[in-house]
N, C-alpha and C. Protein backbone atom coordinates (compact mmCIF):
# COMPACT_ATOMS: atom_id res chain seq x y z
N UNK A 1 0.91 -1.13 0.11
CA UNK A 1 0.18 -0.10 -0.22
C UNK A 1 0.78 1.28 0.04
N UNK A 2 0.51 2.48 -1.00
CA UNK A 2 1.17 3.53 -0.90
C UNK A 2 0.87 4.63 0.38
N UNK A 3 1.99 4.72 1.05
CA UNK A 3 1.35 5.64 2.24
C UNK A 3 0.92 7.01 1.62
N UNK A 4 -0.06 7.44 2.39
CA UNK A 4 -0.76 8.56 1.90
C UNK A 4 -0.69 9.78 3.16
N UNK A 5 -1.02 10.98 2.57
CA UNK A 5 -0.81 12.25 3.75
C UNK A 5 -2.17 12.50 4.12
N UNK A 6 -2.34 13.02 5.47
CA UNK A 6 -3.66 13.39 5.90
C UNK A 6 -3.42 14.84 6.60
N UNK A 7 -4.79 15.26 6.77
CA UNK A 7 -4.90 16.19 7.58
C UNK A 7 -6.13 16.12 8.30
N UNK A 8 -6.00 16.17 9.60
CA UNK A 8 -6.97 15.99 10.71
C UNK A 8 -7.58 17.26 11.15
N UNK A 9 -8.94 17.38 10.93
CA UNK A 9 -9.72 18.42 11.31
C UNK A 9 -10.54 18.17 12.77
N UNK A 10 -10.51 18.64 13.92
CA UNK A 10 -11.16 18.31 15.00
C UNK A 10 -11.92 19.58 15.39
N UNK A 11 -13.27 19.34 15.54
CA UNK A 11 -14.39 20.16 15.86
C UNK A 11 -15.03 20.05 17.14
N UNK A 12 -14.74 19.08 17.95
CA UNK A 12 -15.20 18.68 18.93
C UNK A 12 -14.52 18.71 20.11
N UNK A 13 -14.96 19.23 21.14
CA UNK A 13 -14.13 19.73 22.45
C UNK A 13 -14.14 18.50 23.33
N UNK A 14 -13.01 18.36 24.18
CA UNK A 14 -12.46 17.31 24.87
C UNK A 14 -13.59 17.41 26.15
N UNK A 15 -13.56 16.53 26.59
CA UNK A 15 -14.59 16.00 27.86
C UNK A 15 -16.04 15.97 27.51
N UNK A 16 -16.50 16.86 26.23
CA UNK A 16 -18.39 16.91 26.08
C UNK A 16 -18.04 16.16 24.83
N UNK A 17 -17.24 15.72 24.12
CA UNK A 17 -17.35 14.81 22.80
C UNK A 17 -16.09 13.92 22.67
N UNK A 18 -16.36 12.75 21.59
CA UNK A 18 -15.13 11.85 21.73
C UNK A 18 -14.35 12.11 20.39
N UNK A 19 -14.38 13.47 19.92
CA UNK A 19 -13.62 13.75 18.66
C UNK A 19 -12.26 13.67 19.05
N UNK A 20 -11.71 14.63 20.26
CA UNK A 20 -10.34 14.21 19.89
C UNK A 20 -9.63 12.97 20.51
N UNK A 21 -10.25 12.34 21.54
CA UNK A 21 -9.73 10.71 21.73
C UNK A 21 -9.82 10.08 20.21
N UNK A 22 -10.99 10.04 19.59
CA UNK A 22 -10.85 9.21 18.29
C UNK A 22 -10.11 9.71 17.29
N UNK A 23 -9.76 11.23 17.26
CA UNK A 23 -8.86 11.73 16.27
C UNK A 23 -7.28 11.01 16.93
N UNK A 24 -7.17 11.04 18.08
CA UNK A 24 -6.12 10.92 18.65
C UNK A 24 -5.38 9.37 18.27
N UNK A 25 -6.41 8.39 18.63
CA UNK A 25 -6.54 7.15 18.37
C UNK A 25 -6.09 6.59 16.78
N UNK A 26 -6.69 7.29 15.95
CA UNK A 26 -6.64 7.46 14.46
C UNK A 26 -5.33 8.07 14.12
N UNK A 27 -4.76 9.11 14.48
CA UNK A 27 -3.42 9.34 14.17
C UNK A 27 -2.25 8.55 14.58
N UNK A 28 -2.54 7.70 15.65
CA UNK A 28 -1.52 7.01 16.18
C UNK A 28 -1.09 5.73 15.13
N UNK A 29 -2.71 5.37 14.69
CA UNK A 29 -2.50 4.12 13.92
C UNK A 29 -2.34 4.60 12.48
N UNK A 30 -2.55 5.74 12.15
CA UNK A 30 -2.06 6.19 10.78
C UNK A 30 -0.32 6.13 10.92
N UNK A 31 0.34 6.55 11.93
CA UNK A 31 1.75 6.75 11.88
C UNK A 31 2.28 5.03 12.00
N UNK A 32 1.53 4.23 12.93
CA UNK A 32 1.73 2.93 12.51
C UNK A 32 1.81 2.52 11.35
N UNK A 33 0.97 2.63 10.74
CA UNK A 33 0.60 2.12 9.30
C UNK A 33 1.45 2.60 8.15
N UNK A 34 2.30 3.73 8.45
CA UNK A 34 3.43 4.36 7.53
C UNK A 34 3.01 5.63 6.88
N UNK A 35 1.56 5.98 7.34
CA UNK A 35 1.11 7.12 6.59
C UNK A 35 1.65 8.33 7.25
N UNK A 36 1.25 9.74 6.68
CA UNK A 36 1.93 10.76 7.03
C UNK A 36 0.74 11.73 7.48
N UNK A 37 0.74 12.28 8.20
CA UNK A 37 0.02 13.58 8.83
C UNK A 37 0.62 14.73 8.70
N UNK A 38 0.25 15.69 7.88
CA UNK A 38 0.75 16.82 7.38
C UNK A 38 0.22 18.09 8.37
N UNK A 39 -0.72 17.91 9.07
CA UNK A 39 -1.20 18.72 9.80
C UNK A 39 -2.63 18.52 10.42
N UNK A 40 -2.85 19.21 11.98
CA UNK A 40 -3.74 19.01 12.44
C UNK A 40 -4.28 20.27 12.57
N UNK A 41 -5.69 20.29 12.63
CA UNK A 41 -6.69 21.88 12.59
C UNK A 41 -7.71 21.47 13.64
N UNK A 42 -7.62 22.54 14.44
CA UNK A 42 -8.46 22.73 15.62
C UNK A 42 -9.58 23.73 14.99
N UNK A 43 -10.77 23.35 15.08
CA UNK A 43 -11.91 24.70 15.00
C UNK A 43 -12.83 24.39 15.59
N UNK A 44 -13.83 25.56 15.80
CA UNK A 44 -14.96 25.32 16.56
C UNK A 44 -14.33 25.22 18.20
N UNK A 45 -15.46 24.53 18.83
CA UNK A 45 -15.07 23.72 19.89
C UNK A 45 -13.83 22.79 20.38
N UNK A 46 -13.47 22.45 19.30
CA UNK A 46 -12.26 21.70 19.19
C UNK A 46 -10.74 22.49 19.81
N UNK A 47 -11.14 23.92 19.06
CA UNK A 47 -9.69 24.58 19.86
C UNK A 47 -9.38 24.52 21.37
N UNK A 48 -10.58 24.33 22.15
CA UNK A 48 -10.56 23.75 23.42
C UNK A 48 -9.56 22.85 23.97
N UNK A 49 -8.93 22.03 23.00
CA UNK A 49 -8.11 21.21 23.12
C UNK A 49 -6.57 21.66 23.18
N UNK A 50 -6.58 22.90 22.80
CA UNK A 50 -5.12 23.62 23.00
C UNK A 50 -5.00 24.64 24.10
N UNK A 51 -5.99 24.37 25.00
CA UNK A 51 -5.78 25.18 26.30
C UNK A 51 -4.67 24.61 27.17
N UNK A 52 -4.23 25.57 27.67
CA UNK A 52 -2.74 25.19 28.69
C UNK A 52 -3.38 25.38 29.84
N UNK A 53 -4.57 25.50 29.90
CA UNK A 53 -5.10 25.99 31.50
C UNK A 53 -5.98 24.77 31.81
N UNK A 54 -6.47 23.81 31.10
CA UNK A 54 -7.19 22.86 30.91
C UNK A 54 -6.61 21.65 32.18
N UNK A 55 -7.58 21.49 33.24
CA UNK A 55 -6.94 20.83 34.43
C UNK A 55 -8.14 19.78 34.86
N UNK A 56 -8.17 18.89 33.84
CA UNK A 56 -9.12 17.74 34.23
C UNK A 56 -8.87 16.66 35.78
N UNK A 57 -9.89 16.30 36.27
CA UNK A 57 -9.66 15.59 37.59
C UNK A 57 -8.41 14.77 37.28
N UNK A 58 -7.97 14.42 38.21
CA UNK A 58 -6.89 13.49 38.42
C UNK A 58 -7.10 12.12 37.83
N UNK A 59 -8.11 11.39 37.94
CA UNK A 59 -8.91 10.33 37.57
C UNK A 59 -9.03 10.29 36.05
N UNK A 60 -8.85 11.38 35.16
CA UNK A 60 -9.39 11.21 33.82
C UNK A 60 -8.37 11.88 33.06
N UNK A 61 -8.03 11.42 31.76
CA UNK A 61 -6.91 11.74 31.09
C UNK A 61 -7.06 13.34 30.68
N UNK A 62 -6.03 13.95 30.55
CA UNK A 62 -5.59 15.12 29.95
C UNK A 62 -5.32 15.07 28.77
N UNK A 63 -6.44 15.50 27.80
CA UNK A 63 -6.49 15.13 26.25
C UNK A 63 -5.56 16.22 25.94
N UNK A 64 -5.57 17.65 26.15
CA UNK A 64 -4.61 18.58 25.81
C UNK A 64 -3.07 18.24 25.71
N UNK A 65 -2.79 17.52 26.99
CA UNK A 65 -1.64 17.31 27.12
C UNK A 65 -1.06 16.01 26.24
N UNK A 66 -2.11 15.03 26.28
CA UNK A 66 -2.00 13.99 25.23
C UNK A 66 -1.48 14.12 23.84
N UNK A 67 -2.64 15.24 23.57
CA UNK A 67 -2.61 15.51 22.09
C UNK A 67 -0.63 16.48 21.98
N UNK A 68 -0.44 17.54 22.82
CA UNK A 68 0.62 17.97 22.96
C UNK A 68 1.94 17.21 22.51
N UNK A 69 1.78 16.35 23.83
CA UNK A 69 3.04 15.21 23.41
C UNK A 69 3.11 14.52 22.23
N UNK A 70 2.16 14.07 21.55
CA UNK A 70 1.98 13.37 20.52
C UNK A 70 2.58 14.09 19.52
N UNK A 71 1.80 15.25 19.02
CA UNK A 71 2.14 16.21 18.55
C UNK A 71 3.91 16.72 18.52
N UNK A 72 4.14 16.74 19.43
CA UNK A 72 5.76 17.34 19.63
C UNK A 72 6.89 16.27 19.38
N UNK A 73 6.19 14.80 19.69
CA UNK A 73 6.85 13.79 19.71
C UNK A 73 6.98 13.15 18.13
N UNK A 74 6.10 13.74 17.50
CA UNK A 74 6.04 13.24 15.98
C UNK A 74 6.40 14.50 15.30
N UNK A 75 6.55 15.64 15.69
CA UNK A 75 6.92 16.99 14.59
C UNK A 75 5.90 17.08 13.98
N UNK A 76 4.57 16.85 14.02
CA UNK A 76 3.47 17.27 13.48
C UNK A 76 2.95 18.57 13.71
N UNK A 77 2.66 19.46 12.74
CA UNK A 77 2.24 20.83 12.98
C UNK A 77 0.73 20.95 13.31
N UNK A 78 0.30 21.63 14.54
CA UNK A 78 -1.07 21.56 14.64
C UNK A 78 -1.34 23.71 14.93
N UNK A 79 -2.46 23.42 14.08
CA UNK A 79 -3.16 25.09 13.89
C UNK A 79 -4.49 24.97 14.76
N UNK A 80 -4.51 26.02 15.24
CA UNK A 80 -6.13 26.46 15.96
C UNK A 80 -6.66 27.40 15.38
N UNK A 81 -7.73 27.66 14.76
CA UNK A 81 -8.49 28.64 13.82
C UNK A 81 -8.38 29.73 14.84
N UNK A 82 -8.10 30.87 14.44
CA UNK A 82 -7.79 32.23 15.19
C UNK A 82 -9.11 32.73 15.48
N UNK A 83 -10.40 32.74 14.80
CA UNK A 83 -11.40 33.29 15.06
C UNK A 83 -12.49 32.42 16.01
N UNK A 84 -12.12 30.92 16.08
CA UNK A 84 -12.47 30.19 16.88
C UNK A 84 -11.87 30.39 18.23
N UNK A 85 -10.65 30.35 18.33
CA UNK A 85 -10.01 30.82 19.66
C UNK A 85 -10.17 31.86 20.31
N UNK A 86 -10.10 33.08 19.59
CA UNK A 86 -10.32 33.91 20.45
C UNK A 86 -11.98 34.13 21.05
N UNK A 87 -12.84 33.37 20.33
CA UNK A 87 -14.38 33.32 20.83
C UNK A 87 -14.32 32.65 22.20
N UNK A 88 -13.57 31.73 22.31
CA UNK A 88 -13.40 30.70 23.61
C UNK A 88 -12.09 31.20 24.63
N UNK A 89 -11.60 32.21 24.11
CA UNK A 89 -10.56 32.61 25.01
C UNK A 89 -9.26 31.71 25.24
N UNK A 90 -8.98 31.30 24.06
CA UNK A 90 -7.70 30.60 23.65
C UNK A 90 -6.65 31.50 23.06
N UNK A 91 -5.61 32.05 23.77
CA UNK A 91 -5.01 33.34 23.43
C UNK A 91 -3.60 32.86 23.27
N UNK A 92 -2.75 33.57 22.33
CA UNK A 92 -1.27 33.44 22.29
C UNK A 92 -0.65 34.30 22.60
N UNK A 93 0.68 34.62 22.43
CA UNK A 93 1.22 36.11 22.87
C UNK A 93 1.07 37.32 22.03
N UNK A 94 0.84 36.83 20.91
CA UNK A 94 0.73 37.85 19.64
C UNK A 94 -0.99 38.45 20.06
N UNK A 95 -1.84 37.46 20.22
CA UNK A 95 -2.93 38.09 20.29
C UNK A 95 -3.38 38.60 21.62
N UNK A 96 -2.39 38.49 22.69
CA UNK A 96 -2.50 38.90 23.91
C UNK A 96 -1.81 40.47 23.90
N UNK A 97 -0.92 40.53 23.15
CA UNK A 97 -0.30 42.09 23.11
C UNK A 97 -1.42 43.01 21.96
N UNK A 98 -1.85 42.21 21.12
CA UNK A 98 -2.80 43.17 20.01
C UNK A 98 -4.17 43.51 21.27
N UNK A 99 -4.83 42.52 21.54
CA UNK A 99 -5.89 43.11 22.31
C UNK A 99 -5.66 43.32 23.90
N UNK A 100 -4.49 43.67 24.10
CA UNK A 100 -3.98 44.13 25.62
C UNK A 100 -4.78 43.33 26.63
N UNK A 101 -4.38 41.85 26.74
CA UNK A 101 -5.08 41.00 27.63
C UNK A 101 -3.89 40.44 28.75
N UNK A 102 -4.42 40.46 29.98
CA UNK A 102 -3.65 40.16 31.07
C UNK A 102 -2.60 38.93 30.83
N UNK A 103 -3.01 37.80 29.83
CA UNK A 103 -2.22 36.78 29.90
C UNK A 103 -2.73 36.01 28.59
N UNK A 104 -1.94 34.95 28.12
CA UNK A 104 -2.04 33.97 27.17
C UNK A 104 -2.10 32.49 27.70
N UNK A 105 -2.79 31.55 26.81
CA UNK A 105 -2.81 30.14 27.53
C UNK A 105 -2.83 28.92 26.24
N UNK A 106 -2.37 29.32 25.34
CA UNK A 106 -2.03 28.45 24.17
C UNK A 106 -1.40 27.42 24.55
N UNK A 107 -1.33 26.32 24.42
CA UNK A 107 -0.60 25.14 24.63
C UNK A 107 0.45 25.01 23.63
N UNK A 108 1.83 24.93 23.84
CA UNK A 108 2.55 24.34 22.81
C UNK A 108 2.64 22.67 22.54
N UNK A 109 2.61 22.35 21.39
CA UNK A 109 3.16 23.38 20.30
C UNK A 109 2.00 23.60 19.23
N UNK A 110 0.76 24.01 19.74
CA UNK A 110 -0.27 24.64 18.88
C UNK A 110 0.22 25.95 18.33
N UNK A 111 -0.25 26.25 17.27
CA UNK A 111 -0.34 27.70 16.92
C UNK A 111 -1.70 28.04 16.46
N UNK A 112 -1.46 29.54 16.55
CA UNK A 112 -2.93 29.96 16.15
C UNK A 112 -2.75 30.73 14.57
N UNK A 113 -3.42 30.15 14.04
CA UNK A 113 -3.65 31.19 12.35
C UNK A 113 -4.88 30.89 11.65
N UNK A 114 -5.24 31.56 10.63
CA UNK A 114 -6.52 31.59 9.75
C UNK A 114 -6.73 30.43 9.06
N UNK A 115 -7.92 30.44 8.53
CA UNK A 115 -8.48 29.32 7.59
C UNK A 115 -7.54 28.86 6.45
N UNK A 116 -6.58 29.92 5.95
CA UNK A 116 -5.91 29.37 5.08
C UNK A 116 -4.83 28.12 5.43
N UNK A 117 -4.55 27.92 6.63
CA UNK A 117 -4.14 26.57 7.07
C UNK A 117 -4.92 25.09 6.64
N UNK A 118 -6.19 25.53 6.73
CA UNK A 118 -7.19 24.48 6.88
C UNK A 118 -7.09 24.27 5.23
N UNK A 119 -7.14 25.40 4.39
CA UNK A 119 -7.36 25.30 3.20
C UNK A 119 -6.04 24.55 2.28
N UNK A 120 -4.71 24.97 2.89
CA UNK A 120 -3.56 24.34 2.56
C UNK A 120 -3.49 22.78 3.02
N UNK A 121 -4.00 22.41 3.87
CA UNK A 121 -4.31 20.89 4.21
C UNK A 121 -5.18 20.41 3.27
N UNK A 122 -6.09 20.95 3.01
CA UNK A 122 -7.22 20.35 1.92
C UNK A 122 -6.51 20.13 0.57
N UNK A 123 -5.89 21.06 0.18
CA UNK A 123 -5.17 20.99 -0.97
C UNK A 123 -3.85 20.28 -1.29
N UNK A 124 -2.90 20.14 0.22
CA UNK A 124 -1.84 19.36 0.41
C UNK A 124 -1.90 18.00 0.36
N UNK A 125 -2.70 17.77 1.13
CA UNK A 125 -3.00 16.05 1.61
C UNK A 125 -3.75 15.41 0.83
N UNK A 126 -3.46 14.33 0.66
CA UNK A 126 -4.78 13.11 -0.18
C UNK A 126 -6.01 12.90 0.58
N UNK A 127 -5.65 13.12 2.16
CA UNK A 127 -6.93 12.89 2.73
C UNK A 127 -7.09 13.67 3.87
N UNK A 128 -8.51 14.37 3.92
CA UNK A 128 -8.76 15.28 5.34
C UNK A 128 -9.89 14.81 5.76
N UNK A 129 -9.50 14.27 7.23
CA UNK A 129 -10.76 13.48 7.86
C UNK A 129 -11.11 14.37 8.90
N UNK A 130 -12.16 14.57 9.04
CA UNK A 130 -12.99 15.24 10.30
C UNK A 130 -13.58 14.80 11.50
N UNK A 131 -12.93 15.06 12.56
CA UNK A 131 -13.66 14.41 13.66
C UNK A 131 -14.46 15.74 14.62
N UNK A 132 -15.89 15.39 14.44
CA UNK A 132 -17.06 16.51 14.78
C UNK A 132 -17.46 16.12 16.16
N UNK A 133 -17.88 17.20 16.83
CA UNK A 133 -18.51 16.90 18.26
C UNK A 133 -20.13 16.37 18.22
N UNK A 134 -20.59 16.25 19.19
CA UNK A 134 -21.83 16.15 19.18
C UNK A 134 -22.79 17.49 18.96
N UNK A 135 -22.60 18.44 19.10
CA UNK A 135 -23.42 19.69 18.84
C UNK A 135 -23.14 20.24 17.54
């Protein structure tokens, strides 16, 4: 089988949907099967996956931390939609300065960008796979 390249789009929030969990399991299996992940793009409620301030109870999986580790370990770029992020209080240092906010909370290695990153993924990758929330 010829390896394929994928862009993964996550629109469901951790803890209120299965989207981030399913996407992570899928991403791990893609790499095991020899495929490549070009980019992970968070949109809508999915941007909550990039919050450095998410602190689930100790008996629950910390999905943002799991995703951050996976992305860093595999050098996979991950982009958070700027419009969705700002609406939900996910802020990097650039937006913190622009809006004169008291802090930022974007989890590394996520980066904030526009929908152009999503478009690029649609053009560049062989497959684009969506993981939606229940809402």
